[in-house]
């Protein structure tokens, strides 16, 4: 699926349900700025271990308002 995305270099990408950060790592390797969230704290820890400080991750339930400033915007969103 990720290979179908347009070039991500310099883009802000929201990774919905980021899990252990596999998509985030792929996107970061290609120059994206990634913000990911997942309901599982364990998955967030794995994502942080995978990409270090190159990405930003939140434990969050999608049924609640997103934990970003109202003016936050993203160029691309991926969900899995």
PDB file of N, CA and C in Angstrom:
ATOM      1  N   UNK A   1       0.804  -1.187   0.000  1.00  0.00           N
ATOM      2  CA  UNK A   1       0.000   0.000   0.000  1.00  0.00           C
ATOM      3  C   UNK A   1       0.853   1.260   0.000  1.00  0.00           C
ATOM      4  N   UNK A   2       1.906   1.291   0.783  1.00  0.00           N
ATOM      5  CA  UNK A   2       2.718   2.502   0.884  1.00  0.00           C
ATOM      6  C   UNK A   2       3.347   2.887  -0.444  1.00  0.00           C
ATOM      7  N   UNK A   3       3.648   1.910  -1.270  1.00  0.00           N
ATOM      8  CA  UNK A   3       4.252   2.218  -2.569  1.00  0.00           C
ATOM      9  C   UNK A   3       3.284   2.970  -3.478  1.00  0.00           C
ATOM     10  N   UNK A   4       2.005   2.997  -3.143  1.00  0.00           N
ATOM     11  CA  UNK A   4       1.012   3.726  -3.933  1.00  0.00           C
ATOM     12  C   UNK A   4       0.945   5.206  -3.567  1.00  0.00           C
ATOM     13  N   UNK A   5       1.595   5.591  -2.482  1.00  0.00           N
ATOM     14  CA  UNK A   5       1.571   6.989  -2.053  1.00  0.00           C
ATOM     15  C   UNK A   5       2.383   7.867  -2.996  1.00  0.00           C
ATOM     16  N   UNK A   6       2.034   9.152  -3.076  1.00  0.00           N
ATOM     17  CA  UNK A   6       2.882  10.085  -3.810  1.00  0.00           C
ATOM     18  C   UNK A   6       4.189  10.257  -3.035  1.00  0.00           C
ATOM     19  N   UNK A   7       5.184  10.924  -3.609  1.00  0.00           N
ATOM     20  CA  UNK A   7       6.428  11.161  -2.864  1.00  0.00           C
ATOM     21  C   UNK A   7       6.131  11.824  -1.512  1.00  0.00           C
ATOM     22  N   UNK A   8       6.790  11.344  -0.462  1.00  0.00           N
ATOM     23  CA  UNK A   8       6.512  11.839   0.887  1.00  0.00           C
ATOM     24  C   UNK A   8       7.610  12.749   1.431  1.00  0.00           C
ATOM     25  N   UNK A   9       8.672  12.937   0.682  1.00  0.00           N
ATOM     26  CA  UNK A   9       9.779  13.793   1.120  1.00  0.00           C
ATOM     27  C   UNK A   9       9.244  15.153   1.564  1.00  0.00           C
ATOM     28  N   UNK A  10       9.524  15.531   2.820  1.00  0.00           N
ATOM     29  CA  UNK A  10       9.117  16.824   3.341  1.00  0.00           C
ATOM     30  C   UNK A  10       7.647  16.951   3.706  1.00  0.00           C
ATOM     31  N   UNK A  11       6.885  15.878   3.584  1.00  0.00           N
ATOM     32  CA  UNK A  11       5.449  15.917   3.890  1.00  0.00           C
ATOM     33  C   UNK A  11       5.207  15.559   5.359  1.00  0.00           C
ATOM     34  N   UNK A  12       4.150  16.120   5.917  1.00  0.00           N
ATOM     35  CA  UNK A  12       3.685  15.750   7.258  1.00  0.00           C
ATOM     36  C   UNK A  12       2.650  14.651   7.097  1.00  0.00           C
ATOM     37  N   UNK A  13       2.923  13.499   7.719  1.00  0.00           N
ATOM     38  CA  UNK A  13       2.057  12.331   7.545  1.00  0.00           C
ATOM     39  C   UNK A  13       1.481  11.904   8.893  1.00  0.00           C
ATOM     40  N   UNK A  14       0.177  11.683   8.916  1.00  0.00           N
ATOM     41  CA  UNK A  14      -0.507  11.153  10.090  1.00  0.00           C
ATOM     42  C   UNK A  14      -0.673   9.650   9.897  1.00  0.00           C
ATOM     43  N   UNK A  15      -0.135   8.870  10.825  1.00  0.00           N
ATOM     44  CA  UNK A  15      -0.211   7.407  10.775  1.00  0.00           C
ATOM     45  C   UNK A  15      -1.249   6.951  11.805  1.00  0.00           C
ATOM     46  N   UNK A  16      -2.441   6.634  11.317  1.00  0.00           N
ATOM     47  CA  UNK A  16      -3.577   6.277  12.170  1.00  0.00           C
ATOM     48  C   UNK A  16      -3.526   4.784  12.478  1.00  0.00           C
ATOM     49  N   UNK A  17      -3.489   4.441  13.756  1.00  0.00           N
ATOM     50  CA  UNK A  17      -3.359   3.036  14.136  1.00  0.00           C
ATOM     51  C   UNK A  17      -1.964   2.545  13.806  1.00  0.00           C
ATOM     52  N   UNK A  18      -0.961   3.285  14.253  1.00  0.00           N
ATOM     53  CA  UNK A  18       0.426   3.076  13.814  1.00  0.00           C
ATOM     54  C   UNK A  18       1.037   1.754  14.239  1.00  0.00           C
ATOM     55  N   UNK A  19       0.437   1.071  15.220  1.00  0.00           N
ATOM     56  CA  UNK A  19       1.007  -0.202  15.647  1.00  0.00           C
ATOM     57  C   UNK A  19       2.462  -0.048  16.056  1.00  0.00           C
ATOM     58  N   UNK A  20       3.323  -0.996  15.686  1.00  0.00           N
ATOM     59  CA  UNK A  20       4.718  -0.951  16.108  1.00  0.00           C
ATOM     60  C   UNK A  20       5.604  -0.037  15.262  1.00  0.00           C
ATOM     61  N   UNK A  21       5.004   0.758  14.404  1.00  0.00           N
ATOM     62  CA  UNK A  21       5.775   1.753  13.663  1.00  0.00           C
ATOM     63  C   UNK A  21       6.367   1.300  12.346  1.00  0.00           C
ATOM     64  N   UNK A  22       5.867   0.227  11.773  1.00  0.00           N
ATOM     65  CA  UNK A  22       6.414  -0.247  10.498  1.00  0.00           C
ATOM     66  C   UNK A  22       6.198   0.774   9.385  1.00  0.00           C
ATOM     67  N   UNK A  23       4.974   1.280   9.256  1.00  0.00           N
ATOM     68  CA  UNK A  23       4.700   2.292   8.233  1.00  0.00           C
ATOM     69  C   UNK A  23       5.470   3.570   8.548  1.00  0.00           C
ATOM     70  N   UNK A  24       5.495   3.945   9.813  1.00  0.00           N
ATOM     71  CA  UNK A  24       6.206   5.161  10.212  1.00  0.00           C
ATOM     72  C   UNK A  24       7.672   5.085   9.808  1.00  0.00           C
ATOM     73  N   UNK A  25       8.311   3.958  10.057  1.00  0.00           N
ATOM     74  CA  UNK A  25       9.723   3.798   9.699  1.00  0.00           C
ATOM     75  C   UNK A  25       9.917   3.936   8.193  1.00  0.00           C
ATOM     76  N   UNK A  26       9.054   3.312   7.414  1.00  0.00           N
ATOM     77  CA  UNK A  26       9.137   3.386   5.953  1.00  0.00           C
ATOM     78  C   UNK A  26       9.004   4.830   5.493  1.00  0.00           C
ATOM     79  N   UNK A  27       8.037   5.537   6.054  1.00  0.00           N
ATOM     80  CA  UNK A  27       7.795   6.931   5.673  1.00  0.00           C
ATOM     81  C   UNK A  27       8.959   7.832   6.071  1.00  0.00           C
ATOM     82  N   UNK A  28       9.475   7.640   7.276  1.00  0.00           N
ATOM     83  CA  UNK A  28      10.592   8.449   7.761  1.00  0.00           C
ATOM     84  C   UNK A  28      11.825   8.225   6.902  1.00  0.00           C
ATOM     85  N   UNK A  29      12.086   6.984   6.520  1.00  0.00           N
ATOM     86  CA  UNK A  29      13.233   6.678   5.657  1.00  0.00           C
ATOM     87  C   UNK A  29      13.148   7.412   4.328  1.00  0.00           C
ATOM     88  N   UNK A  30      11.959   7.779   3.938  1.00  0.00           N
ATOM     89  CA  UNK A  30      11.750   8.486   2.671  1.00  0.00           C
ATOM     90  C   UNK A  30      11.534   9.978   2.863  1.00  0.00           C
ATOM     91  N   UNK A  31      11.859  10.482   4.048  1.00  0.00           N
ATOM     92  CA  UNK A  31      11.874  11.916   4.275  1.00  0.00           C
ATOM     93  C   UNK A  31      10.624  12.550   4.832  1.00  0.00           C
ATOM     94  N   UNK A  32       9.659  11.752   5.273  1.00  0.00           N
ATOM     95  CA  UNK A  32       8.427  12.312   5.839  1.00  0.00           C
ATOM     96  C   UNK A  32       8.610  12.649   7.314  1.00  0.00           C
ATOM     97  N   UNK A  33       7.817  13.588   7.771  1.00  0.00           N
ATOM     98  CA  UNK A  33       7.686  13.885   9.200  1.00  0.00           C
ATOM     99  C   UNK A  33       6.428  13.150   9.650  1.00  0.00           C
ATOM    100  N   UNK A  34       6.575  12.201  10.566  1.00  0.00           N
ATOM    101  CA  UNK A  34       5.461  11.321  10.917  1.00  0.00           C
ATOM    102  C   UNK A  34       4.968  11.566  12.339  1.00  0.00           C
ATOM    103  N   UNK A  35       3.644  11.656  12.452  1.00  0.00           N
ATOM    104  CA  UNK A  35       2.957  11.653  13.742  1.00  0.00           C
ATOM    105  C   UNK A  35       2.042  10.439  13.711  1.00  0.00           C
ATOM    106  N   UNK A  36       2.208   9.557  14.691  1.00  0.00           N
ATOM    107  CA  UNK A  36       1.394   8.355  14.723  1.00  0.00           C
ATOM    108  C   UNK A  36       0.645   8.217  16.026  1.00  0.00           C
ATOM    109  N   UNK A  37      -0.488   7.518  15.964  1.00  0.00           N
ATOM    110  CA  UNK A  37      -1.180   7.191  17.204  1.00  0.00           C
ATOM    111  C   UNK A  37      -1.793   5.806  17.117  1.00  0.00           C
ATOM    112  N   UNK A  38      -1.946   5.220  18.297  1.00  0.00           N
ATOM    113  CA  UNK A  38      -2.511   3.883  18.415  1.00  0.00           C
ATOM    114  C   UNK A  38      -3.159   3.787  19.790  1.00  0.00           C
ATOM    115  N   UNK A  39      -4.168   2.961  19.926  1.00  0.00           N
ATOM    116  CA  UNK A  39      -4.834   2.792  21.219  1.00  0.00           C
ATOM    117  C   UNK A  39      -3.964   2.014  22.208  1.00  0.00           C
ATOM    118  N   UNK A  40      -3.035   1.222  21.696  1.00  0.00           N
ATOM    119  CA  UNK A  40      -2.209   0.353  22.534  1.00  0.00           C
ATOM    120  C   UNK A  40      -0.920   1.044  22.979  1.00  0.00           C
ATOM    121  N   UNK A  41      -0.751   1.153  24.286  1.00  0.00           N
ATOM    122  CA  UNK A  41       0.484   1.708  24.820  1.00  0.00           C
ATOM    123  C   UNK A  41       1.698   0.869  24.451  1.00  0.00           C
ATOM    124  N   UNK A  42       1.516  -0.446  24.411  1.00  0.00           N
ATOM    125  CA  UNK A  42       2.624  -1.333  24.035  1.00  0.00           C
ATOM    126  C   UNK A  42       3.065  -1.072  22.593  1.00  0.00           C
ATOM    127  N   UNK A  43       2.119  -0.874  21.700  1.00  0.00           N
ATOM    128  CA  UNK A  43       2.461  -0.589  20.304  1.00  0.00           C
ATOM    129  C   UNK A  43       3.168   0.760  20.176  1.00  0.00           C
ATOM    130  N   UNK A  44       2.739   1.735  20.950  1.00  0.00           N
ATOM    131  CA  UNK A  44       3.396   3.046  20.924  1.00  0.00           C
ATOM    132  C   UNK A  44       4.849   2.910  21.370  1.00  0.00           C
ATOM    133  N   UNK A  45       5.085   2.140  22.423  1.00  0.00           N
ATOM    134  CA  UNK A  45       6.461   1.925  22.883  1.00  0.00           C
ATOM    135  C   UNK A  45       7.297   1.249  21.801  1.00  0.00           C
ATOM    136  N   UNK A  46       6.727   0.273  21.118  1.00  0.00           N
ATOM    137  CA  UNK A  46       7.460  -0.400  20.033  1.00  0.00           C
ATOM    138  C   UNK A  46       7.770   0.569  18.894  1.00  0.00           C
ATOM    139  N   UNK A  47       6.801   1.411  18.560  1.00  0.00           N
ATOM    140  CA  UNK A  47       7.028   2.403  17.501  1.00  0.00           C
ATOM    141  C   UNK A  47       8.150   3.353  17.902  1.00  0.00           C
ATOM    142  N   UNK A  48       8.134   3.808  19.142  1.00  0.00           N
ATOM    143  CA  UNK A  48       9.188   4.717  19.619  1.00  0.00           C
ATOM    144  C   UNK A  48      10.553   4.035  19.592  1.00  0.00           C
ATOM    145  N   UNK A  49      10.594   2.767  19.968  1.00  0.00           N
ATOM    146  CA  UNK A  49      11.860   2.033  19.913  1.00  0.00           C
ATOM    147  C   UNK A  49      12.337   1.875  18.472  1.00  0.00           C
ATOM    148  N   UNK A  50      11.413   1.669  17.557  1.00  0.00           N
ATOM    149  CA  UNK A  50      11.762   1.449  16.157  1.00  0.00           C
ATOM    150  C   UNK A  50      12.355   2.703  15.509  1.00  0.00           C
ATOM    151  N   UNK A  51      11.754   3.859  15.753  1.00  0.00           N
ATOM    152  CA  UNK A  51      12.188   5.068  15.030  1.00  0.00           C
ATOM    153  C   UNK A  51      12.861   6.109  15.913  1.00  0.00           C
ATOM    154  N   UNK A  52      12.908   5.876  17.209  1.00  0.00           N
ATOM    155  CA  UNK A  52      13.557   6.835  18.102  1.00  0.00           C
ATOM    156  C   UNK A  52      12.852   8.179  18.077  1.00  0.00           C
ATOM    157  N   UNK A  53      13.644   9.225  18.083  1.00  0.00           N
ATOM    158  CA  UNK A  53      13.067  10.573  18.111  1.00  0.00           C
ATOM    159  C   UNK A  53      12.771  11.114  16.713  1.00  0.00           C
ATOM    160  N   UNK A  54      12.823  10.262  15.710  1.00  0.00           N
ATOM    161  CA  UNK A  54      12.531  10.706  14.336  1.00  0.00           C
ATOM    162  C   UNK A  54      11.040  10.779  14.057  1.00  0.00           C
ATOM    163  N   UNK A  55      10.211  10.292  14.987  1.00  0.00           N
ATOM    164  CA  UNK A  55       8.762  10.365  14.839  1.00  0.00           C
ATOM    165  C   UNK A  55       8.126  10.764  16.158  1.00  0.00           C
ATOM    166  N   UNK A  56       6.872  11.170  16.104  1.00  0.00           N
ATOM    167  CA  UNK A  56       6.117  11.546  17.298  1.00  0.00           C
ATOM    168  C   UNK A  56       4.926  10.600  17.411  1.00  0.00           C
ATOM    169  N   UNK A  57       4.745  10.026  18.594  1.00  0.00           N
ATOM    170  CA  UNK A  57       3.697   9.025  18.775  1.00  0.00           C
ATOM    171  C   UNK A  57       2.863   9.311  20.016  1.00  0.00           C
ATOM    172  N   UNK A  58       1.566   9.023  19.900  1.00  0.00           N
ATOM    173  CA  UNK A  58       0.619   9.223  20.990  1.00  0.00           C
ATOM    174  C   UNK A  58      -0.194   7.957  21.196  1.00  0.00           C
ATOM    175  N   UNK A  59      -0.442   7.620  22.467  1.00  0.00           N
ATOM    176  CA  UNK A  59      -1.440   6.593  22.755  1.00  0.00           C
ATOM    177  C   UNK A  59      -2.774   7.319  22.744  1.00  0.00           C
ATOM    178  N   UNK A  60      -3.684   6.866  21.893  1.00  0.00           N
ATOM    179  CA  UNK A  60      -4.926   7.604  21.720  1.00  0.00           C
ATOM    180  C   UNK A  60      -6.026   6.704  21.175  1.00  0.00           C
ATOM    181  N   UNK A  61      -7.235   6.938  21.645  1.00  0.00           N
ATOM    182  CA  UNK A  61      -8.427   6.233  21.171  1.00  0.00           C
ATOM    183  C   UNK A  61      -9.082   7.088  20.092  1.00  0.00           C
ATOM    184  N   UNK A  62      -9.208   6.565  18.894  1.00  0.00           N
ATOM    185  CA  UNK A  62      -9.739   7.325  17.751  1.00  0.00           C
ATOM    186  C   UNK A  62     -11.166   7.822  17.985  1.00  0.00           C
ATOM    187  N   UNK A  63     -11.883   7.240  18.943  1.00  0.00           N
ATOM    188  CA  UNK A  63     -13.247   7.708  19.209  1.00  0.00           C
ATOM    189  C   UNK A  63     -13.261   9.031  19.978  1.00  0.00           C
ATOM    190  N   UNK A  64     -12.094   9.473  20.418  1.00  0.00           N
ATOM    191  CA  UNK A  64     -11.956  10.736  21.141  1.00  0.00           C
ATOM    192  C   UNK A  64     -11.324  11.786  20.220  1.00  0.00           C
ATOM    193  N   UNK A  65     -11.495  13.075  20.539  1.00  0.00           N
ATOM    194  CA  UNK A  65     -10.850  14.113  19.719  1.00  0.00           C
ATOM    195  C   UNK A  65      -9.337  13.892  19.650  1.00  0.00           C
ATOM    196  N   UNK A  66      -8.766  14.194  18.509  1.00  0.00           N
ATOM    197  CA  UNK A  66      -7.325  14.007  18.326  1.00  0.00           C
ATOM    198  C   UNK A  66      -6.535  14.926  19.251  1.00  0.00           C
ATOM    199  N   UNK A  67      -5.371  14.469  19.720  1.00  0.00           N
ATOM    200  CA  UNK A  67      -4.593  15.234  20.697  1.00  0.00           C
ATOM    201  C   UNK A  67      -3.684  16.288  20.062  1.00  0.00           C
ATOM    202  N   UNK A  68      -4.146  16.923  19.000  1.00  0.00           N
ATOM    203  CA  UNK A  68      -3.334  17.917  18.311  1.00  0.00           C
ATOM    204  C   UNK A  68      -4.004  19.273  18.429  1.00  0.00           C
ATOM    205  N   UNK A  69      -3.229  20.305  18.233  1.00  0.00           N
ATOM    206  CA  UNK A  69      -3.787  21.654  18.203  1.00  0.00           C
ATOM    207  C   UNK A  69      -4.819  21.740  17.084  1.00  0.00           C
ATOM    208  N   UNK A  70      -5.799  22.576  17.268  1.00  0.00           N
ATOM    209  CA  UNK A  70      -6.879  22.711  16.280  1.00  0.00           C
ATOM    210  C   UNK A  70      -6.356  23.093  14.904  1.00  0.00           C
ATOM    211  N   UNK A  71      -5.217  23.770  14.855  1.00  0.00           N
ATOM    212  CA  UNK A  71      -4.678  24.206  13.567  1.00  0.00           C
ATOM    213  C   UNK A  71      -3.659  23.225  12.983  1.00  0.00           C
ATOM    214  N   UNK A  72      -3.495  22.057  13.608  1.00  0.00           N
ATOM    215  CA  UNK A  72      -2.557  21.061  13.082  1.00  0.00           C
ATOM    216  C   UNK A  72      -3.083  20.536  11.751  1.00  0.00           C
ATOM    217  N   UNK A  73      -2.190  20.386  10.811  1.00  0.00           N
ATOM    218  CA  UNK A  73      -2.600  19.845   9.518  1.00  0.00           C
ATOM    219  C   UNK A  73      -1.566  18.843   9.033  1.00  0.00           C
ATOM    220  N   UNK A  74      -2.019  17.959   8.167  1.00  0.00           N
ATOM    221  CA  UNK A  74      -1.168  16.920   7.607  1.00  0.00           C
ATOM    222  C   UNK A  74      -1.366  16.896   6.103  1.00  0.00           C
ATOM    223  N   UNK A  75      -0.306  16.539   5.395  1.00  0.00           N
ATOM    224  CA  UNK A  75      -0.380  16.434   3.941  1.00  0.00           C
ATOM    225  C   UNK A  75      -0.985  15.104   3.508  1.00  0.00           C
ATOM    226  N   UNK A  76      -0.703  14.062   4.289  1.00  0.00           N
ATOM    227  CA  UNK A  76      -1.126  12.703   3.953  1.00  0.00           C
ATOM    228  C   UNK A  76      -1.541  12.008   5.245  1.00  0.00           C
ATOM    229  N   UNK A  77      -2.544  11.156   5.161  1.00  0.00           N
ATOM    230  CA  UNK A  77      -2.916  10.298   6.288  1.00  0.00           C
ATOM    231  C   UNK A  77      -2.945   8.858   5.792  1.00  0.00           C
ATOM    232  N   UNK A  78      -2.384   7.965   6.587  1.00  0.00           N
ATOM    233  CA  UNK A  78      -2.447   6.539   6.285  1.00  0.00           C
ATOM    234  C   UNK A  78      -3.112   5.847   7.468  1.00  0.00           C
ATOM    235  N   UNK A  79      -3.857   4.796   7.179  1.00  0.00           N
ATOM    236  CA  UNK A  79      -4.522   4.029   8.232  1.00  0.00           C
ATOM    237  C   UNK A  79      -4.431   2.554   7.885  1.00  0.00           C
ATOM    238  N   UNK A  80      -4.300   1.748   8.917  1.00  0.00           N
ATOM    239  CA  UNK A  80      -4.231   0.304   8.697  1.00  0.00           C
ATOM    240  C   UNK A  80      -4.746  -0.421   9.893  1.00  0.00           C
TER     241      UNK A  80
END
